[in-house]
Amino acid sequence: MKVTDHIQQAKDTLLSFEILPPLKGKSIQSIYDHLDPLMEFKPSWINVTYHRSETAFKKKADGNFEKVEVRKRPGTVGICAAIMNHYQIDAVPHMICGGFTMRETEDALIDLNFLGIDNVLVLRGDAAKNEASFEPEPGGNKYAIDLLKQVVHLNSGIYIDDDIRDGGKTKFCIGVAGYPEKHFEAPNLEIDLRRLKEKVDAGAEYIMTQMFFDNNKFFEFVNACRANDIHVPIIPGLKPITTKKQLSVLPRIFHVDIPTDLSTEIMKCKTDADCEIVGTEWLIQQSKELKVFGVPVLHYYTLGKPRLIRDVVKEVV
């Protein structure tokens, strides 16, 4: 079932969760153990992130080093299929530009279609760890809108190879990312919104936001989108702060602001357990306010904290 169908048929605010694939070597049971505490809330879907390979150097017996490509978190497609089979709910795989050619992307989309997966969230993805800025794979998509257009083409039965005529049409509902505090590479919010509008005009059907901790920034973002003729559903992405370290890590990595009231209370904490209590209460109040605002979905980045998210949701639903 498509994300937009879930939203259109909903009588109240929906719930969805996002997970990471396990590190290579872990079993699918680790996913079930992660999600089981959250299933009582009947989420409408589960997002599964996609991860590019990383370059590593392994020492050989002769003392020289061999360059190898390692994907630490493989399995997104298989995990989505397992979630759908195990829980009988929809799974939404992330699709990224970085580290994949257009042909590899096309093959992955074909696999997803064969598995009956109706949704994808298309993202450019981050730069590789050894790159100062994002560089596409040779033969890969450079921007999220290029990846979006590739999915739209497949939905129309248009494949990379020209000799494929009357190709089978996929039916993906396509989501894109939105940034209430703007994408860090955009010179200003106006241009960032213009790029977002281009994605919607090209076929994006909903927007999933980057995490934020100040609801006013989200409200302003929604109003700005509507003023710029962006009328697809906008889903807030939510995450708790659980350690003092995150006060510096999250702004540096995700380019988000931490509200003064929240940072002040976190700085008073003596232990991570205390920080978790403060972060949980903040997320509860944030979620309640967003629900009153009328967001279509509360989307939680679980990221190894399923029981904390369970405690939050219990107070919100």
Protein backbone atom coordinates (compact mmCIF):
# COMPACT_ATOMS: atom_id res chain seq x y z
CA MET A 1 0.00 0.00 0.00
CA LYS A 2 1.32 3.42 -0.90
CA VAL A 3 2.30 5.98 1.72
CA THR A 4 -0.14 8.46 0.20
CA ASP A 5 -2.95 5.90 0.38
CA HIS A 6 -2.24 5.34 4.07
CA ILE A 7 -2.46 9.09 4.64
CA GLN A 8 -5.61 9.59 2.60
CA GLN A 9 -7.43 6.78 4.40
CA ALA A 10 -6.30 7.78 7.91
CA LYS A 11 -8.77 9.06 10.49
CA ASP A 12 -6.03 10.20 12.89
CA THR A 13 -2.30 10.90 12.91
CA LEU A 14 -0.38 7.84 11.73
CA LEU A 15 2.85 6.41 13.11
CA SER A 16 5.91 5.19 11.27
CA PHE A 17 9.41 4.19 12.35
CA GLU A 18 12.84 4.17 10.76
CA ILE A 19 15.56 1.58 11.30
CA LEU A 20 19.13 0.92 10.22
CA PRO A 21 20.09 -2.39 8.58
CA PRO A 22 22.17 -4.43 11.03
CA LEU A 23 25.92 -4.56 10.69
CA LYS A 24 27.12 -7.35 8.41
CA GLY A 25 27.19 -10.60 10.34
CA LYS A 26 24.05 -9.90 12.35
CA SER A 27 20.89 -11.91 11.64
CA ILE A 28 17.40 -10.72 10.70
CA GLN A 29 16.40 -11.56 14.27
CA SER A 30 18.18 -8.38 15.36
CA ILE A 31 15.64 -6.43 13.27
CA TYR A 32 12.71 -8.28 14.83
CA ASP A 33 14.12 -7.72 18.32
CA HIS A 34 14.38 -4.02 17.49
CA LEU A 35 10.87 -3.69 16.08
CA ASP A 36 8.91 -6.02 18.36
CA PRO A 37 8.56 -3.43 21.17
CA LEU A 38 6.99 -1.00 18.68
CA MET A 39 4.49 -3.28 16.97
CA GLU A 40 1.77 -2.71 19.56
CA PHE A 41 1.26 0.75 18.05
CA LYS A 42 0.44 -0.67 14.60
CA PRO A 43 2.76 1.55 12.54
CA SER A 44 1.64 2.17 8.99
CA TRP A 45 5.10 1.44 7.58
CA ILE A 46 8.78 1.00 8.47
CA ASN A 47 11.53 2.94 6.72
CA VAL A 48 14.81 1.09 6.12
CA THR A 49 17.92 3.14 5.39
CA TYR A 50 20.34 2.34 2.55
CA HIS A 51 24.12 2.57 2.96
CA ARG A 52 26.87 2.95 0.41
CA SER A 53 30.08 0.96 0.54
CA GLU A 54 33.18 2.39 2.18
CA THR A 55 36.81 2.17 1.09
CA ALA A 56 39.08 0.23 3.44
CA PHE A 57 42.69 -0.92 3.25
CA LYS A 58 43.55 -4.43 4.38
CA LYS A 59 47.10 -5.54 5.03
CA LYS A 60 48.22 -8.51 2.94
CA ALA A 61 50.67 -11.24 3.92
CA ASP A 62 53.49 -9.51 2.03
CA GLY A 63 53.05 -6.33 4.07
CA ASN A 64 51.37 -4.33 1.32
CA PHE A 65 47.86 -2.98 1.61
CA GLU A 66 44.93 -3.89 -0.59
CA LYS A 67 42.14 -1.43 -1.31
CA VAL A 68 38.73 -3.02 -0.84
CA GLU A 69 35.13 -1.78 -0.90
CA VAL A 70 33.15 -2.81 2.17
CA ARG A 71 29.42 -2.36 2.73
CA LYS A 72 29.00 -2.49 6.50
CA ARG A 73 25.20 -2.45 6.47
CA PRO A 74 23.95 -4.44 3.47
CA GLY A 75 20.54 -5.96 3.03
CA THR A 76 18.03 -3.11 2.72
CA VAL A 77 15.99 -4.84 0.00
CA GLY A 78 15.94 -8.17 1.84
CA ILE A 79 15.10 -6.49 5.16
CA CYS A 80 12.11 -4.74 3.58
CA ALA A 81 10.84 -8.07 2.24
CA ALA A 82 11.37 -9.73 5.64
CA ILE A 83 9.50 -6.96 7.49
CA MET A 84 6.55 -7.18 5.11
CA ASN A 85 6.42 -10.96 5.45
CA HIS A 86 6.96 -11.08 9.22
CA TYR A 87 4.73 -8.20 10.35
CA GLN A 88 2.34 -7.81 7.42
CA ILE A 89 3.03 -4.09 7.19
CA ASP A 90 4.59 -1.94 4.49
CA ALA A 91 8.30 -1.22 4.28
CA VAL A 92 9.82 1.85 2.65
CA PRO A 93 13.41 1.44 1.45
CA HIS A 94 15.66 4.45 1.08
CA MET A 95 17.33 4.75 -2.33
CA ILE A 96 20.50 6.83 -2.60
CA CYS A 97 22.69 8.15 -5.39
CA GLY A 98 26.07 7.71 -3.72
CA GLY A 99 27.92 4.49 -4.43
CA PHE A 100 25.53 3.16 -7.07
CA THR A 101 25.37 3.33 -10.85
CA MET A 102 22.07 3.95 -12.57
CA ARG A 103 22.05 0.33 -13.72
CA GLU A 104 22.55 -0.94 -10.17
CA THR A 105 19.75 1.35 -9.07
CA GLU A 106 17.47 0.09 -11.82
CA ASP A 107 18.15 -3.51 -10.86
CA ALA A 108 17.39 -2.76 -7.19
CA LEU A 109 14.13 -1.06 -8.16
CA ILE A 110 13.16 -4.08 -10.26
CA ASP A 111 13.81 -6.35 -7.27
CA LEU A 112 11.69 -4.10 -5.04
CA ASN A 113 8.88 -4.13 -7.57
CA PHE A 114 8.97 -7.93 -7.84
CA LEU A 115 8.71 -8.12 -4.04
CA GLY A 116 5.56 -6.01 -4.06
CA ILE A 117 7.14 -2.97 -2.41
CA ASP A 118 5.16 0.13 -3.39
CA ASN A 119 7.22 2.95 -1.89
CA VAL A 120 10.70 4.43 -2.03
CA LEU A 121 12.30 7.43 -0.38
CA VAL A 122 14.85 8.90 -2.79
CA LEU A 123 17.88 10.74 -1.43
CA ARG A 124 21.19 11.92 -2.77
CA GLY A 125 22.99 10.53 0.26
CA ASP A 126 26.14 11.71 2.00
CA ALA A 127 29.60 12.11 0.61
CA ALA A 128 31.95 9.17 1.09
CA LYS A 129 34.17 9.47 4.15
CA ASN A 130 37.22 10.09 1.98
CA GLU A 131 35.50 12.84 -0.05
CA ALA A 132 35.36 16.52 0.84
CA SER A 133 32.06 16.84 -1.04
CA PHE A 134 29.63 14.47 -2.68
CA GLU A 135 30.84 12.79 -5.87
CA PRO A 136 28.49 10.54 -7.84
CA GLU A 137 29.53 7.07 -8.90
CA PRO A 138 30.65 6.96 -12.55
CA GLY A 139 27.43 6.25 -14.40
CA GLY A 140 25.41 7.15 -11.29
CA ASN A 141 22.87 9.82 -10.43
CA LYS A 142 24.33 13.11 -9.27
CA TYR A 143 21.33 14.63 -7.52
CA ALA A 144 18.24 13.32 -5.76
CA ILE A 145 16.07 14.76 -8.54
CA ASP A 146 17.98 12.63 -11.07
CA LEU A 147 17.25 9.52 -9.03
CA LEU A 148 13.64 10.65 -8.68
CA LYS A 149 13.31 10.98 -12.45
CA GLN A 150 14.77 7.48 -12.90
CA VAL A 151 12.04 6.05 -10.66
CA VAL A 152 9.40 8.09 -12.50
CA HIS A 153 10.68 6.68 -15.80
CA LEU A 154 10.38 3.11 -14.48
CA ASN A 155 6.84 3.91 -13.36
CA SER A 156 6.22 4.75 -17.02
CA GLY A 157 7.95 1.61 -18.29
CA ILE A 158 11.05 3.47 -19.49
CA TYR A 159 14.30 1.57 -18.86
CA ILE A 160 17.95 2.49 -19.40
CA ASP A 161 18.30 0.15 -22.38
CA ASP A 162 16.59 1.60 -25.43
CA ASP A 163 15.84 -1.86 -26.82
CA ILE A 164 13.38 -2.56 -23.99
CA ARG A 165 10.05 -1.61 -25.51
CA ASP A 166 6.71 -1.80 -23.75
CA GLY A 167 8.61 -2.47 -20.52
CA GLY A 168 6.71 -3.41 -17.40
CA LYS A 169 5.65 -0.37 -15.39
CA THR A 170 6.46 -0.08 -11.72
CA LYS A 171 4.12 1.72 -9.32
CA PHE A 172 6.34 3.33 -6.74
CA CYS A 173 5.05 6.10 -4.50
CA ILE A 174 8.06 8.40 -4.24
CA GLY A 175 9.06 10.42 -1.20
CA VAL A 176 11.82 13.02 -0.94
CA ALA A 177 13.65 14.74 1.91
CA GLY A 178 12.80 18.18 3.23
CA TYR A 179 14.88 20.38 5.52
CA PRO A 180 13.06 22.72 7.95
CA GLU A 181 16.38 24.41 8.64
CA LYS A 182 17.44 24.13 4.95
CA HIS A 183 19.93 21.72 3.43
CA PHE A 184 23.42 22.68 4.53
CA GLU A 185 24.61 23.01 0.93
CA ALA A 186 21.80 25.37 -0.09
CA PRO A 187 22.80 29.06 0.02
CA ASN A 188 19.42 30.01 1.54
CA LEU A 189 15.99 28.59 2.32
CA GLU A 190 14.41 30.20 -0.75
CA ILE A 191 16.64 28.25 -3.14
CA ASP A 192 16.23 25.10 -1.05
CA LEU A 193 12.44 25.39 -1.37
CA ARG A 194 12.78 25.99 -5.09
CA ARG A 195 14.69 22.73 -5.44
CA LEU A 196 12.09 20.95 -3.34
CA LYS A 197 9.34 22.33 -5.58
CA GLU A 198 11.21 20.97 -8.61
CA LYS A 199 11.18 17.49 -7.05
CA VAL A 200 7.46 17.68 -6.36
CA ASP A 201 6.79 18.89 -9.90
CA ALA A 202 8.92 15.99 -11.18
CA GLY A 203 6.81 13.40 -9.35
CA ALA A 204 7.54 13.37 -5.60
CA GLU A 205 4.34 12.54 -3.70
CA TYR A 206 5.33 13.30 -0.13
CA ILE A 207 8.10 14.93 1.90
CA MET A 208 9.92 13.40 4.89
CA THR A 209 11.81 15.97 6.93
CA GLN A 210 15.21 15.95 8.49
CA MET A 211 15.08 15.77 12.28
CA PHE A 212 14.39 19.00 14.13
CA PHE A 213 13.95 19.91 17.78
CA ASP A 214 12.10 23.22 17.49
CA ASN A 215 8.53 22.75 16.25
CA ASN A 216 8.33 26.39 15.20
CA LYS A 217 10.93 25.69 12.56
CA PHE A 218 8.73 22.88 11.22
CA PHE A 219 5.61 25.05 11.26
CA GLU A 220 7.45 27.80 9.38
CA PHE A 221 8.74 25.24 6.89
CA VAL A 222 5.25 23.89 6.20
CA ASN A 223 3.89 27.41 5.73
CA ALA A 224 6.77 28.27 3.40
CA CYS A 225 6.14 25.12 1.36
CA ARG A 226 2.46 25.92 0.97
CA ALA A 227 3.31 29.51 0.00
CA ASN A 228 5.60 28.09 -2.69
CA ASP A 229 2.81 25.88 -4.10
CA ILE A 230 4.10 22.67 -2.51
CA HIS A 231 0.97 20.85 -1.37
CA VAL A 232 2.03 17.21 -0.90
CA PRO A 233 1.96 15.70 2.62
CA ILE A 234 4.85 16.80 4.83
CA ILE A 235 5.90 14.23 7.46
CA PRO A 236 8.02 15.37 10.44
CA GLY A 237 11.08 13.28 11.28
CA LEU A 238 11.65 13.00 15.04
CA LYS A 239 14.53 11.85 17.21
CA PRO A 240 15.28 12.06 20.94
CA ILE A 241 18.43 13.54 22.41
CA THR A 242 19.89 11.07 24.90
CA THR A 243 23.45 12.27 25.69
CA LYS A 244 25.31 15.54 26.24
CA LYS A 245 27.61 14.66 23.38
CA GLN A 246 24.71 14.94 20.95
CA LEU A 247 24.46 18.67 21.69
CA SER A 248 27.58 19.12 19.55
CA VAL A 249 27.40 16.02 17.33
CA LEU A 250 23.89 16.56 15.93
CA PRO A 251 24.43 20.20 14.86
CA ARG A 252 27.76 19.28 13.29
CA ILE A 253 26.56 16.22 11.36
CA PHE A 254 22.93 17.10 10.63
CA HIS A 255 23.13 20.90 10.64
CA VAL A 256 20.23 21.38 13.05
CA ASP A 257 19.82 23.79 15.95
CA ILE A 258 19.17 22.66 19.51
CA PRO A 259 16.68 24.97 21.30
CA THR A 260 18.15 26.84 24.27
CA ASP A 261 15.61 25.41 26.72
CA LEU A 262 16.51 21.85 25.70
CA SER A 263 20.27 22.35 25.71
CA THR A 264 20.11 24.08 29.10
CA GLU A 265 18.29 21.14 30.68
CA ILE A 266 20.60 18.59 29.04
CA MET A 267 23.67 20.45 30.32
CA LYS A 268 22.32 20.18 33.87
CA CYS A 269 22.25 16.38 33.62
CA LYS A 270 24.93 14.39 35.43
CA THR A 271 24.50 11.09 33.56
CA ASP A 272 23.30 9.84 30.18
CA ALA A 273 20.32 8.31 31.99
CA ASP A 274 19.35 11.79 33.15
CA CYS A 275 19.81 13.11 29.61
CA GLU A 276 17.54 10.38 28.31
CA ILE A 277 14.78 11.41 30.69
CA VAL A 278 15.00 15.03 29.55
CA GLY A 279 15.18 14.07 25.86
CA THR A 280 12.23 11.71 26.18
CA GLU A 281 10.01 14.34 27.82
CA TRP A 282 10.99 16.90 25.19
CA LEU A 283 10.08 14.49 22.39
CA ILE A 284 6.75 13.67 24.05
CA GLN A 285 5.78 17.33 24.21
CA GLN A 286 7.10 17.94 20.70
CA SER A 287 5.01 15.02 19.38
CA LYS A 288 1.85 16.15 21.15
CA GLU A 289 2.16 19.64 19.71
CA LEU A 290 2.75 18.30 16.20
CA LYS A 291 -0.29 16.07 16.51
CA VAL A 292 -2.46 19.06 17.51
CA PHE A 293 -1.02 20.92 14.50
CA GLY A 294 -2.42 18.15 12.33
CA VAL A 295 0.63 16.43 10.88
CA PRO A 296 -0.37 13.36 8.85
CA VAL A 297 2.30 11.11 10.40
CA LEU A 298 4.70 11.11 13.33
CA HIS A 299 7.85 9.48 11.98
CA TYR A 300 10.41 8.39 14.57
CA TYR A 301 14.08 7.69 13.89
CA THR A 302 14.55 4.76 16.27
CA LEU A 303 18.33 4.38 15.77
CA GLY A 304 18.93 1.79 18.46
CA LYS A 305 16.43 3.24 20.95
CA PRO A 306 13.19 1.32 20.30
CA ARG A 307 12.15 1.15 23.96
CA LEU A 308 12.64 4.88 24.42
CA ILE A 309 10.50 5.51 21.35
CA ARG A 310 7.91 3.09 22.75
CA ASP A 311 7.78 5.16 25.95
CA VAL A 312 7.27 8.32 23.90
CA VAL A 313 4.53 6.90 21.72
CA LYS A 314 2.65 5.51 24.71
CA GLU A 315 2.26 9.07 25.95
CA VAL A 316 1.21 10.46 22.57
CA VAL A 317 -1.32 8.03 21.07
